[in-house]
N, C-alpha and C. Protein backbone atom coordinates (compact mmCIF):
# COMPACT_ATOMS: atom_id res chain seq x y z
N MET A 1 -8.70 -33.14 -3.83
CA MET A 1 -7.51 -33.68 -4.48
C MET A 1 -6.78 -34.63 -3.54
N LYS A 2 -6.07 -35.54 -4.13
CA LYS A 2 -5.27 -36.50 -3.38
C LYS A 2 -3.81 -36.31 -3.77
N LEU A 3 -2.96 -36.08 -2.78
CA LEU A 3 -1.54 -35.83 -3.03
C LEU A 3 -0.71 -37.00 -2.54
N SER A 4 0.18 -37.47 -3.40
CA SER A 4 1.11 -38.52 -3.01
C SER A 4 2.53 -38.00 -3.18
N PHE A 5 3.36 -38.30 -2.19
CA PHE A 5 4.76 -37.86 -2.20
C PHE A 5 5.65 -39.07 -2.46
N ASN A 6 6.58 -38.93 -3.40
CA ASN A 6 7.50 -40.00 -3.71
C ASN A 6 8.92 -39.48 -3.59
N TYR A 7 9.71 -40.10 -2.71
CA TYR A 7 11.09 -39.66 -2.50
C TYR A 7 12.02 -40.41 -3.44
N CYS A 8 12.76 -39.68 -4.24
CA CYS A 8 13.70 -40.28 -5.18
C CYS A 8 15.07 -40.41 -4.51
N LYS A 9 15.42 -41.62 -4.12
CA LYS A 9 16.63 -41.85 -3.32
C LYS A 9 17.91 -41.50 -4.06
N GLN A 10 17.97 -41.81 -5.35
CA GLN A 10 19.20 -41.57 -6.09
C GLN A 10 19.52 -40.09 -6.21
N SER A 11 18.51 -39.28 -6.40
CA SER A 11 18.73 -37.84 -6.58
C SER A 11 18.38 -37.02 -5.34
N LEU A 12 17.90 -37.69 -4.30
CA LEU A 12 17.51 -37.02 -3.05
C LEU A 12 16.49 -35.90 -3.32
N SER A 13 15.57 -36.18 -4.23
CA SER A 13 14.61 -35.16 -4.63
C SER A 13 13.18 -35.66 -4.41
N ASN A 14 12.24 -34.75 -4.51
CA ASN A 14 10.83 -35.06 -4.31
C ASN A 14 10.08 -35.11 -5.63
N CYS A 15 9.28 -36.15 -5.78
CA CYS A 15 8.36 -36.25 -6.91
C CYS A 15 6.95 -36.25 -6.33
N TYR A 16 6.06 -35.45 -6.91
CA TYR A 16 4.70 -35.34 -6.39
C TYR A 16 3.70 -35.83 -7.43
N LEU A 17 2.67 -36.53 -6.93
CA LEU A 17 1.59 -37.01 -7.78
C LEU A 17 0.28 -36.47 -7.23
N LEU A 18 -0.47 -35.81 -8.08
CA LEU A 18 -1.70 -35.15 -7.66
C LEU A 18 -2.87 -35.75 -8.43
N GLY A 19 -3.86 -36.26 -7.69
CA GLY A 19 -5.02 -36.88 -8.32
C GLY A 19 -6.30 -36.15 -7.98
N ALA A 20 -7.20 -36.10 -8.94
CA ALA A 20 -8.49 -35.44 -8.74
C ALA A 20 -9.40 -36.28 -7.85
N ASP A 21 -10.32 -35.61 -7.19
CA ASP A 21 -11.30 -36.29 -6.34
C ASP A 21 -12.31 -37.06 -7.19
N CYS A 22 -12.99 -37.99 -6.52
CA CYS A 22 -14.09 -38.71 -7.16
C CYS A 22 -15.24 -37.73 -7.43
N THR A 23 -16.05 -38.04 -8.41
CA THR A 23 -17.20 -37.19 -8.72
C THR A 23 -18.41 -37.55 -7.87
N GLY A 24 -18.30 -38.65 -7.11
CA GLY A 24 -19.43 -39.11 -6.31
C GLY A 24 -20.19 -40.23 -6.98
N SER A 25 -19.77 -40.56 -8.19
CA SER A 25 -20.43 -41.64 -8.92
C SER A 25 -20.08 -42.98 -8.30
N GLU A 26 -21.01 -43.92 -8.38
CA GLU A 26 -20.77 -45.26 -7.87
C GLU A 26 -20.06 -46.15 -8.89
N ASN A 27 -19.74 -45.58 -10.02
CA ASN A 27 -19.04 -46.31 -11.08
C ASN A 27 -17.59 -46.54 -10.67
N LYS A 28 -17.24 -47.77 -10.36
CA LYS A 28 -15.90 -48.09 -9.87
C LYS A 28 -14.85 -48.02 -10.97
N THR A 29 -15.28 -47.99 -12.22
CA THR A 29 -14.33 -47.91 -13.33
C THR A 29 -14.11 -46.46 -13.78
N GLU A 30 -14.69 -45.53 -13.06
CA GLU A 30 -14.54 -44.12 -13.41
C GLU A 30 -13.07 -43.70 -13.35
N THR A 31 -12.60 -43.05 -14.38
CA THR A 31 -11.22 -42.55 -14.39
C THR A 31 -11.20 -41.10 -13.93
N ARG A 32 -10.11 -40.76 -13.27
CA ARG A 32 -9.92 -39.41 -12.77
C ARG A 32 -8.57 -38.89 -13.24
N ASP A 33 -8.46 -37.56 -13.35
CA ASP A 33 -7.24 -36.96 -13.86
C ASP A 33 -6.14 -36.93 -12.80
N ALA A 34 -4.91 -36.96 -13.28
CA ALA A 34 -3.75 -36.89 -12.37
C ALA A 34 -2.62 -36.11 -13.04
N LEU A 35 -1.78 -35.54 -12.20
CA LEU A 35 -0.58 -34.83 -12.64
C LEU A 35 0.63 -35.37 -11.89
N ILE A 36 1.80 -35.29 -12.53
CA ILE A 36 3.06 -35.58 -11.85
C ILE A 36 3.90 -34.32 -11.92
N ILE A 37 4.50 -33.96 -10.81
CA ILE A 37 5.39 -32.81 -10.76
C ILE A 37 6.80 -33.28 -10.44
N ASP A 38 7.73 -33.01 -11.34
CA ASP A 38 9.15 -33.35 -11.19
C ASP A 38 9.42 -34.84 -11.01
N PRO A 39 9.32 -35.62 -12.09
CA PRO A 39 9.62 -37.06 -12.00
C PRO A 39 11.12 -37.33 -11.94
N GLY A 40 11.70 -37.12 -10.78
CA GLY A 40 13.14 -37.38 -10.61
C GLY A 40 13.46 -38.86 -10.63
N CYS A 41 12.43 -39.70 -10.57
CA CYS A 41 12.60 -41.14 -10.65
C CYS A 41 11.29 -41.74 -11.16
N MET A 42 11.34 -43.01 -11.49
CA MET A 42 10.14 -43.72 -11.91
C MET A 42 10.20 -45.11 -11.29
N ASP A 43 9.28 -45.42 -10.38
CA ASP A 43 9.31 -46.72 -9.72
C ASP A 43 7.89 -47.25 -9.52
N GLU A 44 7.80 -48.38 -8.84
CA GLU A 44 6.51 -49.05 -8.68
C GLU A 44 5.52 -48.23 -7.87
N SER A 45 5.99 -47.45 -6.91
CA SER A 45 5.06 -46.66 -6.09
C SER A 45 4.32 -45.62 -6.93
N ILE A 46 5.00 -45.07 -7.93
CA ILE A 46 4.35 -44.10 -8.81
C ILE A 46 3.30 -44.80 -9.67
N LEU A 47 3.68 -45.92 -10.25
CA LEU A 47 2.73 -46.69 -11.05
C LEU A 47 1.54 -47.13 -10.21
N ASP A 48 1.81 -47.57 -8.99
CA ASP A 48 0.73 -48.06 -8.13
C ASP A 48 -0.26 -46.95 -7.80
N PHE A 49 0.25 -45.75 -7.55
CA PHE A 49 -0.63 -44.62 -7.24
C PHE A 49 -1.57 -44.34 -8.41
N ILE A 50 -1.03 -44.36 -9.61
CA ILE A 50 -1.84 -44.05 -10.79
C ILE A 50 -2.83 -45.16 -11.08
N GLU A 51 -2.34 -46.40 -11.11
CA GLU A 51 -3.18 -47.51 -11.54
C GLU A 51 -4.20 -47.93 -10.47
N SER A 52 -3.78 -47.98 -9.21
CA SER A 52 -4.70 -48.44 -8.16
C SER A 52 -5.83 -47.45 -7.91
N ASN A 53 -5.59 -46.17 -8.23
CA ASN A 53 -6.63 -45.15 -8.07
C ASN A 53 -7.40 -44.90 -9.37
N ASN A 54 -7.06 -45.68 -10.39
CA ASN A 54 -7.73 -45.55 -11.68
C ASN A 54 -7.61 -44.13 -12.25
N TYR A 55 -6.39 -43.57 -12.15
CA TYR A 55 -6.15 -42.23 -12.65
C TYR A 55 -5.74 -42.26 -14.12
N THR A 56 -6.06 -41.18 -14.81
CA THR A 56 -5.55 -40.94 -16.15
C THR A 56 -4.53 -39.81 -16.06
N LEU A 57 -3.28 -40.11 -16.36
CA LEU A 57 -2.23 -39.09 -16.25
C LEU A 57 -2.39 -38.07 -17.37
N LYS A 58 -2.66 -36.82 -16.98
CA LYS A 58 -2.93 -35.76 -17.95
C LYS A 58 -1.74 -34.86 -18.22
N GLY A 59 -0.83 -34.76 -17.26
CA GLY A 59 0.28 -33.85 -17.46
C GLY A 59 1.47 -34.15 -16.57
N ILE A 60 2.65 -33.75 -17.06
CA ILE A 60 3.89 -33.86 -16.31
C ILE A 60 4.47 -32.46 -16.22
N LEU A 61 4.52 -31.91 -15.02
CA LEU A 61 5.01 -30.55 -14.82
C LEU A 61 6.46 -30.59 -14.36
N LEU A 62 7.31 -29.82 -15.04
CA LEU A 62 8.73 -29.75 -14.68
C LEU A 62 9.05 -28.35 -14.15
N THR A 63 9.59 -28.30 -12.93
CA THR A 63 9.95 -27.00 -12.38
C THR A 63 11.22 -26.45 -13.01
N HIS A 64 12.12 -27.34 -13.44
CA HIS A 64 13.31 -26.92 -14.16
C HIS A 64 14.02 -28.15 -14.72
N ASN A 65 14.90 -27.90 -15.67
CA ASN A 65 15.54 -28.98 -16.42
C ASN A 65 16.87 -29.40 -15.79
N HIS A 66 16.80 -29.93 -14.57
CA HIS A 66 17.96 -30.51 -13.91
C HIS A 66 17.71 -32.00 -13.73
N ALA A 67 18.77 -32.79 -13.85
CA ALA A 67 18.64 -34.25 -13.88
C ALA A 67 17.89 -34.81 -12.67
N SER A 68 18.10 -34.22 -11.51
CA SER A 68 17.47 -34.76 -10.30
C SER A 68 15.96 -34.59 -10.30
N HIS A 69 15.43 -33.83 -11.26
CA HIS A 69 13.99 -33.60 -11.33
C HIS A 69 13.34 -34.16 -12.59
N ILE A 70 14.15 -34.70 -13.49
CA ILE A 70 13.58 -35.22 -14.74
C ILE A 70 14.07 -36.62 -15.08
N ALA A 71 14.86 -37.24 -14.21
CA ALA A 71 15.50 -38.52 -14.54
C ALA A 71 14.50 -39.63 -14.88
N GLY A 72 13.29 -39.56 -14.31
CA GLY A 72 12.29 -40.59 -14.57
C GLY A 72 11.41 -40.31 -15.77
N LEU A 73 11.68 -39.22 -16.46
CA LEU A 73 10.80 -38.78 -17.55
C LEU A 73 10.72 -39.79 -18.69
N ARG A 74 11.87 -40.32 -19.10
CA ARG A 74 11.88 -41.24 -20.25
C ARG A 74 11.06 -42.49 -19.96
N SER A 75 11.24 -43.07 -18.78
CA SER A 75 10.46 -44.26 -18.40
C SER A 75 8.98 -43.94 -18.32
N LEU A 76 8.68 -42.77 -17.79
CA LEU A 76 7.28 -42.34 -17.65
C LEU A 76 6.61 -42.20 -19.00
N LYS A 77 7.33 -41.64 -19.98
CA LYS A 77 6.77 -41.42 -21.30
C LYS A 77 6.60 -42.72 -22.09
N ARG A 78 7.34 -43.75 -21.71
CA ARG A 78 7.17 -45.05 -22.37
C ARG A 78 5.84 -45.70 -21.98
N ILE A 79 5.32 -45.30 -20.82
CA ILE A 79 4.10 -45.90 -20.32
C ILE A 79 2.88 -45.02 -20.58
N TYR A 80 3.04 -43.71 -20.41
CA TYR A 80 1.92 -42.78 -20.53
C TYR A 80 2.19 -41.75 -21.63
N SER A 81 1.12 -41.26 -22.20
CA SER A 81 1.23 -40.28 -23.29
C SER A 81 0.98 -38.86 -22.82
N ALA A 82 1.04 -38.63 -21.53
CA ALA A 82 0.74 -37.31 -20.97
C ALA A 82 1.68 -36.25 -21.53
N GLY A 83 1.15 -35.05 -21.71
CA GLY A 83 1.95 -33.94 -22.18
C GLY A 83 2.90 -33.43 -21.10
N ILE A 84 4.02 -32.88 -21.54
CA ILE A 84 5.02 -32.31 -20.64
C ILE A 84 4.87 -30.79 -20.66
N TYR A 85 4.92 -30.18 -19.49
CA TYR A 85 4.80 -28.73 -19.35
C TYR A 85 6.07 -28.19 -18.70
N ALA A 86 6.73 -27.25 -19.38
CA ALA A 86 8.01 -26.73 -18.90
C ALA A 86 8.30 -25.38 -19.55
N SER A 87 9.32 -24.72 -19.03
CA SER A 87 9.76 -23.46 -19.62
C SER A 87 10.50 -23.69 -20.93
N ASN A 88 11.20 -24.83 -21.03
CA ASN A 88 11.95 -25.18 -22.22
C ASN A 88 11.05 -25.88 -23.25
N SER A 89 11.30 -25.64 -24.51
CA SER A 89 10.49 -26.26 -25.56
C SER A 89 10.88 -27.71 -25.81
N LEU A 90 12.06 -28.11 -25.33
CA LEU A 90 12.54 -29.47 -25.53
C LEU A 90 13.26 -29.93 -24.27
N VAL A 91 12.84 -31.08 -23.73
CA VAL A 91 13.48 -31.67 -22.55
C VAL A 91 13.72 -33.15 -22.83
N MET A 92 14.96 -33.57 -22.76
CA MET A 92 15.33 -34.96 -23.05
C MET A 92 14.79 -35.39 -24.41
N ASN A 93 14.85 -34.49 -25.38
CA ASN A 93 14.38 -34.72 -26.75
C ASN A 93 12.87 -34.87 -26.87
N TYR A 94 12.13 -34.54 -25.81
CA TYR A 94 10.67 -34.54 -25.87
C TYR A 94 10.19 -33.11 -26.05
N LYS A 95 9.28 -32.91 -26.98
CA LYS A 95 8.67 -31.60 -27.13
C LYS A 95 7.73 -31.34 -25.96
N THR A 96 7.69 -30.12 -25.50
CA THR A 96 6.88 -29.77 -24.34
C THR A 96 5.82 -28.74 -24.71
N ASN A 97 4.89 -28.57 -23.82
CA ASN A 97 3.96 -27.44 -23.86
C ASN A 97 4.62 -26.32 -23.07
N VAL A 98 5.07 -25.30 -23.76
CA VAL A 98 5.84 -24.24 -23.10
C VAL A 98 4.92 -23.37 -22.25
N VAL A 99 5.32 -23.17 -20.99
CA VAL A 99 4.57 -22.30 -20.08
C VAL A 99 5.37 -21.04 -19.82
N GLN A 100 4.65 -19.96 -19.56
CA GLN A 100 5.28 -18.66 -19.34
C GLN A 100 4.72 -18.01 -18.09
N ASP A 101 5.47 -17.09 -17.58
CA ASP A 101 5.09 -16.38 -16.36
C ASP A 101 3.73 -15.71 -16.53
N GLY A 102 2.86 -15.92 -15.54
CA GLY A 102 1.55 -15.31 -15.57
C GLY A 102 0.47 -16.14 -16.24
N ASP A 103 0.88 -17.24 -16.88
CA ASP A 103 -0.10 -18.11 -17.52
C ASP A 103 -1.00 -18.78 -16.48
N THR A 104 -2.22 -19.01 -16.84
CA THR A 104 -3.13 -19.88 -16.10
C THR A 104 -3.67 -20.89 -17.09
N ILE A 105 -3.37 -22.16 -16.86
CA ILE A 105 -3.73 -23.19 -17.84
C ILE A 105 -4.58 -24.27 -17.18
N ASN A 106 -5.39 -24.91 -17.98
CA ASN A 106 -6.18 -26.05 -17.52
C ASN A 106 -5.60 -27.33 -18.10
N ILE A 107 -5.26 -28.26 -17.20
CA ILE A 107 -4.77 -29.57 -17.61
C ILE A 107 -5.74 -30.59 -17.04
N GLY A 108 -6.58 -31.14 -17.90
CA GLY A 108 -7.66 -31.97 -17.40
C GLY A 108 -8.56 -31.14 -16.50
N THR A 109 -8.78 -31.62 -15.28
CA THR A 109 -9.63 -30.89 -14.33
C THR A 109 -8.83 -29.96 -13.43
N PHE A 110 -7.53 -29.83 -13.67
CA PHE A 110 -6.67 -29.02 -12.82
C PHE A 110 -6.47 -27.63 -13.40
N ASN A 111 -6.55 -26.62 -12.54
CA ASN A 111 -6.24 -25.25 -12.91
C ASN A 111 -4.86 -24.92 -12.35
N VAL A 112 -3.94 -24.58 -13.23
CA VAL A 112 -2.54 -24.39 -12.85
C VAL A 112 -2.11 -22.96 -13.16
N LYS A 113 -1.60 -22.29 -12.14
CA LYS A 113 -1.06 -20.94 -12.33
C LYS A 113 0.46 -21.02 -12.39
N ILE A 114 1.05 -20.27 -13.33
CA ILE A 114 2.48 -20.37 -13.61
C ILE A 114 3.20 -19.12 -13.09
N ILE A 115 4.30 -19.36 -12.38
CA ILE A 115 5.15 -18.27 -11.89
C ILE A 115 6.58 -18.56 -12.31
N SER A 116 7.16 -17.69 -13.11
CA SER A 116 8.56 -17.82 -13.50
C SER A 116 9.43 -17.22 -12.40
N ALA A 117 10.45 -17.98 -11.96
CA ALA A 117 11.30 -17.50 -10.86
C ALA A 117 12.76 -17.88 -11.11
N PRO A 118 13.39 -17.30 -12.13
CA PRO A 118 14.79 -17.65 -12.44
C PRO A 118 15.74 -17.23 -11.33
N GLY A 119 16.86 -17.93 -11.27
CA GLY A 119 17.87 -17.67 -10.26
C GLY A 119 18.67 -18.93 -10.03
N HIS A 120 18.02 -19.93 -9.43
CA HIS A 120 18.66 -21.25 -9.30
C HIS A 120 19.00 -21.78 -10.69
N SER A 121 18.08 -21.63 -11.60
CA SER A 121 18.29 -21.91 -13.02
C SER A 121 17.47 -20.90 -13.81
N ILE A 122 17.85 -20.68 -15.04
CA ILE A 122 17.15 -19.66 -15.83
C ILE A 122 15.73 -20.07 -16.16
N ASP A 123 15.46 -21.41 -16.11
CA ASP A 123 14.14 -21.90 -16.50
C ASP A 123 13.26 -22.28 -15.31
N SER A 124 13.62 -21.86 -14.11
CA SER A 124 12.88 -22.25 -12.91
C SER A 124 11.44 -21.75 -12.93
N MET A 125 10.50 -22.68 -12.71
CA MET A 125 9.08 -22.37 -12.69
C MET A 125 8.47 -22.85 -11.38
N VAL A 126 7.48 -22.11 -10.90
CA VAL A 126 6.71 -22.49 -9.72
C VAL A 126 5.26 -22.69 -10.18
N TYR A 127 4.62 -23.74 -9.66
CA TYR A 127 3.25 -24.06 -10.05
C TYR A 127 2.32 -23.96 -8.85
N LEU A 128 1.26 -23.20 -9.01
CA LEU A 128 0.25 -23.04 -7.98
C LEU A 128 -1.02 -23.78 -8.40
N ILE A 129 -1.39 -24.79 -7.63
CA ILE A 129 -2.58 -25.59 -7.91
C ILE A 129 -3.41 -25.64 -6.64
N ASP A 130 -4.54 -24.96 -6.66
CA ASP A 130 -5.41 -24.86 -5.49
C ASP A 130 -4.63 -24.27 -4.32
N HIS A 131 -4.46 -25.02 -3.22
CA HIS A 131 -3.75 -24.51 -2.05
C HIS A 131 -2.31 -25.02 -1.99
N LEU A 132 -1.83 -25.61 -3.09
CA LEU A 132 -0.50 -26.21 -3.13
C LEU A 132 0.43 -25.41 -4.03
N LEU A 133 1.65 -25.16 -3.52
CA LEU A 133 2.65 -24.39 -4.25
C LEU A 133 3.87 -25.27 -4.47
N PHE A 134 4.09 -25.68 -5.72
CA PHE A 134 5.22 -26.54 -6.06
C PHE A 134 6.38 -25.65 -6.50
N THR A 135 7.41 -25.57 -5.66
CA THR A 135 8.44 -24.56 -5.84
C THR A 135 9.75 -25.06 -6.42
N GLY A 136 9.87 -26.35 -6.69
CA GLY A 136 11.13 -26.86 -7.23
C GLY A 136 12.29 -26.52 -6.31
N ASP A 137 13.35 -25.96 -6.89
CA ASP A 137 14.52 -25.58 -6.08
C ASP A 137 14.57 -24.09 -5.78
N VAL A 138 13.53 -23.37 -6.11
CA VAL A 138 13.50 -21.93 -5.84
C VAL A 138 13.40 -21.65 -4.35
N LEU A 139 12.48 -22.35 -3.68
CA LEU A 139 12.19 -22.10 -2.27
C LEU A 139 11.92 -23.42 -1.58
N SER A 140 12.62 -23.65 -0.45
CA SER A 140 12.38 -24.84 0.36
C SER A 140 12.28 -24.42 1.82
N ALA A 141 12.11 -25.38 2.70
CA ALA A 141 11.90 -25.06 4.11
C ALA A 141 13.13 -24.36 4.69
N GLY A 142 13.00 -23.07 4.92
CA GLY A 142 14.07 -22.29 5.53
C GLY A 142 15.17 -21.85 4.60
N LEU A 143 15.13 -22.27 3.34
CA LEU A 143 16.25 -22.02 2.43
C LEU A 143 15.76 -21.53 1.07
N THR A 144 16.71 -21.04 0.29
CA THR A 144 16.46 -20.70 -1.11
C THR A 144 17.39 -21.53 -1.97
N GLY A 145 17.14 -21.56 -3.27
CA GLY A 145 17.91 -22.40 -4.17
C GLY A 145 19.36 -21.96 -4.31
N ARG A 146 20.24 -22.93 -4.53
CA ARG A 146 21.65 -22.65 -4.78
C ARG A 146 21.77 -21.91 -6.11
N THR A 147 22.63 -20.90 -6.15
CA THR A 147 22.87 -20.14 -7.37
C THR A 147 24.36 -20.11 -7.68
N ASP A 148 24.70 -19.78 -8.92
CA ASP A 148 26.11 -19.81 -9.32
C ASP A 148 26.74 -18.43 -9.45
N SER A 149 26.02 -17.39 -9.07
CA SER A 149 26.58 -16.04 -9.12
C SER A 149 25.80 -15.12 -8.19
N ALA A 150 26.42 -14.01 -7.84
CA ALA A 150 25.74 -13.03 -6.99
C ALA A 150 24.52 -12.45 -7.70
N TYR A 151 24.65 -12.29 -9.01
CA TYR A 151 23.51 -11.76 -9.78
C TYR A 151 22.33 -12.72 -9.74
N SER A 152 22.62 -14.03 -9.93
CA SER A 152 21.55 -15.03 -9.89
C SER A 152 20.89 -15.08 -8.53
N ALA A 153 21.70 -14.96 -7.47
CA ALA A 153 21.16 -14.96 -6.11
C ALA A 153 20.24 -13.77 -5.90
N MET A 154 20.67 -12.59 -6.36
CA MET A 154 19.87 -11.38 -6.21
C MET A 154 18.57 -11.51 -7.00
N ARG A 155 18.67 -12.07 -8.19
CA ARG A 155 17.49 -12.24 -9.04
C ARG A 155 16.50 -13.21 -8.40
N GLN A 156 17.02 -14.30 -7.84
CA GLN A 156 16.14 -15.29 -7.22
C GLN A 156 15.42 -14.70 -6.00
N ILE A 157 16.14 -13.96 -5.17
CA ILE A 157 15.52 -13.34 -4.00
C ILE A 157 14.42 -12.37 -4.43
N ALA A 158 14.69 -11.62 -5.50
CA ALA A 158 13.69 -10.68 -6.00
C ALA A 158 12.44 -11.42 -6.47
N MET A 159 12.63 -12.57 -7.14
CA MET A 159 11.49 -13.36 -7.59
C MET A 159 10.68 -13.87 -6.40
N ILE A 160 11.37 -14.36 -5.38
CA ILE A 160 10.69 -14.89 -4.19
C ILE A 160 9.90 -13.79 -3.49
N GLN A 161 10.55 -12.63 -3.30
CA GLN A 161 9.90 -11.55 -2.56
C GLN A 161 8.76 -10.91 -3.34
N ASN A 162 8.94 -10.75 -4.65
CA ASN A 162 7.97 -10.01 -5.45
C ASN A 162 6.86 -10.85 -6.06
N LYS A 163 7.15 -12.15 -6.26
CA LYS A 163 6.17 -12.99 -6.93
C LYS A 163 5.56 -14.08 -6.05
N ILE A 164 6.34 -14.56 -5.09
CA ILE A 164 5.86 -15.67 -4.26
C ILE A 164 5.36 -15.17 -2.91
N PHE A 165 6.18 -14.40 -2.21
CA PHE A 165 5.78 -13.91 -0.90
C PHE A 165 4.59 -12.95 -0.99
N THR A 166 4.35 -12.38 -2.15
CA THR A 166 3.24 -11.44 -2.31
C THR A 166 1.91 -12.14 -2.64
N LEU A 167 1.93 -13.45 -2.79
CA LEU A 167 0.68 -14.17 -3.03
C LEU A 167 -0.23 -14.00 -1.82
N ARG A 168 -1.49 -13.77 -2.07
CA ARG A 168 -2.42 -13.55 -0.96
C ARG A 168 -2.79 -14.87 -0.31
N GLY A 169 -2.70 -14.90 1.00
CA GLY A 169 -3.08 -16.09 1.73
C GLY A 169 -1.91 -17.01 2.01
N ASN A 170 -2.21 -18.09 2.66
CA ASN A 170 -1.21 -19.09 3.02
C ASN A 170 -1.34 -20.29 2.09
N TYR A 171 -0.23 -20.90 1.77
CA TYR A 171 -0.22 -22.08 0.90
C TYR A 171 0.73 -23.12 1.47
N ILE A 172 0.49 -24.37 1.12
CA ILE A 172 1.43 -25.42 1.45
C ILE A 172 2.53 -25.40 0.40
N VAL A 173 3.77 -25.26 0.84
CA VAL A 173 4.90 -25.20 -0.07
C VAL A 173 5.50 -26.60 -0.19
N LEU A 174 5.57 -27.09 -1.42
CA LEU A 174 6.10 -28.43 -1.69
C LEU A 174 7.35 -28.28 -2.54
N PRO A 175 8.53 -28.33 -1.92
CA PRO A 175 9.79 -28.06 -2.62
C PRO A 175 10.36 -29.28 -3.33
N GLY A 176 11.36 -29.04 -4.15
CA GLY A 176 12.01 -30.12 -4.88
C GLY A 176 12.88 -30.99 -4.00
N HIS A 177 13.32 -30.45 -2.88
CA HIS A 177 14.13 -31.19 -1.90
C HIS A 177 13.67 -30.81 -0.50
N GLY A 178 13.71 -31.76 0.41
CA GLY A 178 13.40 -31.46 1.79
C GLY A 178 11.91 -31.53 2.11
N PRO A 179 11.58 -31.21 3.37
CA PRO A 179 10.19 -31.36 3.84
C PRO A 179 9.29 -30.24 3.35
N PRO A 180 7.98 -30.45 3.42
CA PRO A 180 7.03 -29.38 3.08
C PRO A 180 7.05 -28.30 4.15
N THR A 181 6.54 -27.16 3.78
CA THR A 181 6.44 -26.04 4.72
C THR A 181 5.20 -25.23 4.32
N THR A 182 5.05 -24.05 4.87
CA THR A 182 3.95 -23.18 4.48
C THR A 182 4.50 -21.82 4.07
N LEU A 183 3.75 -21.12 3.28
CA LEU A 183 4.22 -19.82 2.80
C LEU A 183 4.31 -18.82 3.93
N ASN A 184 3.39 -18.86 4.89
CA ASN A 184 3.47 -17.93 6.02
C ASN A 184 4.74 -18.14 6.83
N VAL A 185 5.12 -19.40 7.03
CA VAL A 185 6.35 -19.70 7.77
C VAL A 185 7.55 -19.16 7.02
N GLU A 186 7.60 -19.35 5.71
CA GLU A 186 8.75 -18.90 4.94
C GLU A 186 8.81 -17.38 4.86
N ARG A 187 7.67 -16.74 4.78
CA ARG A 187 7.67 -15.27 4.82
C ARG A 187 8.33 -14.75 6.09
N ALA A 188 8.07 -15.44 7.19
CA ALA A 188 8.53 -14.95 8.50
C ALA A 188 9.93 -15.43 8.85
N TYR A 189 10.30 -16.66 8.42
CA TYR A 189 11.50 -17.27 8.99
C TYR A 189 12.51 -17.81 7.98
N ASN A 190 12.31 -17.61 6.70
CA ASN A 190 13.25 -18.20 5.75
C ASN A 190 14.65 -17.63 5.94
N ILE A 191 15.60 -18.49 6.27
CA ILE A 191 16.96 -18.06 6.58
C ILE A 191 17.67 -17.54 5.33
N GLY A 192 17.43 -18.21 4.20
CA GLY A 192 18.08 -17.79 2.97
C GLY A 192 17.76 -16.36 2.59
N VAL A 193 16.50 -16.00 2.67
CA VAL A 193 16.09 -14.63 2.36
C VAL A 193 16.62 -13.68 3.41
N GLY A 194 16.55 -14.07 4.68
CA GLY A 194 17.03 -13.22 5.77
C GLY A 194 18.52 -12.91 5.67
N LEU A 195 19.33 -13.93 5.39
CA LEU A 195 20.77 -13.73 5.28
C LEU A 195 21.12 -12.84 4.09
N PHE A 196 20.41 -13.02 3.01
CA PHE A 196 20.66 -12.18 1.83
C PHE A 196 20.39 -10.73 2.16
N GLU A 197 19.27 -10.47 2.85
CA GLU A 197 18.94 -9.10 3.21
C GLU A 197 19.96 -8.51 4.17
N GLU A 198 20.42 -9.33 5.14
CA GLU A 198 21.44 -8.85 6.08
C GLU A 198 22.73 -8.48 5.36
N ASN A 199 23.16 -9.34 4.44
CA ASN A 199 24.40 -9.07 3.70
C ASN A 199 24.26 -7.85 2.82
N ARG A 200 23.10 -7.69 2.22
CA ARG A 200 22.88 -6.52 1.36
C ARG A 200 22.90 -5.24 2.19
N ASN A 201 22.27 -5.26 3.35
CA ASN A 201 22.26 -4.08 4.21
C ASN A 201 23.66 -3.77 4.74
N ARG A 202 24.42 -4.84 5.06
CA ARG A 202 25.77 -4.65 5.56
C ARG A 202 26.66 -4.02 4.50
N THR A 203 26.51 -4.50 3.27
CA THR A 203 27.29 -3.96 2.15
C THR A 203 26.93 -2.51 1.90
N HIS A 204 25.63 -2.22 1.95
CA HIS A 204 25.17 -0.84 1.74
C HIS A 204 25.72 0.08 2.82
N ASN A 205 25.66 -0.35 4.08
CA ASN A 205 26.14 0.49 5.18
C ASN A 205 27.64 0.70 5.12
N THR A 206 28.38 -0.36 4.70
CA THR A 206 29.84 -0.24 4.57
C THR A 206 30.20 0.74 3.48
N SER A 207 29.50 0.67 2.36
CA SER A 207 29.75 1.59 1.25
C SER A 207 29.46 3.02 1.68
N PHE A 208 28.37 3.21 2.46
CA PHE A 208 27.99 4.53 2.93
C PHE A 208 29.07 5.09 3.86
N SER A 209 29.63 4.23 4.73
CA SER A 209 30.67 4.66 5.65
C SER A 209 31.94 5.04 4.90
N LEU A 210 32.29 4.28 3.88
CA LEU A 210 33.47 4.59 3.08
C LEU A 210 33.30 5.91 2.36
N ASP A 211 32.09 6.19 1.90
CA ASP A 211 31.83 7.47 1.24
C ASP A 211 32.06 8.63 2.20
N LEU A 212 31.64 8.46 3.46
CA LEU A 212 31.83 9.51 4.45
C LEU A 212 33.31 9.73 4.73
N LEU A 213 34.08 8.62 4.79
CA LEU A 213 35.52 8.73 5.03
C LEU A 213 36.19 9.46 3.86
N ASP A 214 35.79 9.12 2.65
CA ASP A 214 36.39 9.76 1.47
C ASP A 214 36.07 11.25 1.48
N ASN A 215 34.83 11.60 1.85
CA ASN A 215 34.45 13.01 1.85
C ASN A 215 35.19 13.80 2.93
N SER A 216 35.53 13.14 4.04
CA SER A 216 36.20 13.83 5.14
C SER A 216 37.63 14.18 4.81
N ASN A 217 38.19 13.50 3.81
CA ASN A 217 39.59 13.76 3.45
C ASN A 217 39.72 14.81 2.35
N THR A 218 38.60 15.34 1.89
CA THR A 218 38.70 16.31 0.79
C THR A 218 38.86 17.71 1.34
């Protein structure tokens, strides 16, 4: 596979383009399948990657329905007829192919495993393709996604620990913002997960101490 990274300056987000390898044929007009993950923008570099490599765009994967990750979708759909894959059935008035947790789907020559990881948003999805893990805003280098409540934060950490960190082996993590990382590094050093665990333990220990104080006064 061939991976191209496109930085969307307006939204400060990452757009990824994944192209299939050549079959070994000497046919220079041979078309190969390609996917786009999170089109936060649409510019000449994206078009050049697709056209210069003679790719056929087979799918557009959305990790979640936030503007910084879908802003280029309308322009993209004006040029290509590729299907959209997302947790939501409708994105920017486009019908999608709805994906669900635990699904394994084939898009062209790509095998895509689906992991639902709500927290940052209720529709957050993670896509596993070969050795690449596209995490959107759920997990990034050293951090976890911003959440709007303590419950959402707790839910997101649970998704990361139970569904992502438990994946067997190491993977390249490609987040919606910031640099790439690896799953082994995040298992060991992710600050967001570490701080959450520290705060939870501190709260638990404080509650336990207060219980002892209350019992001593009876």
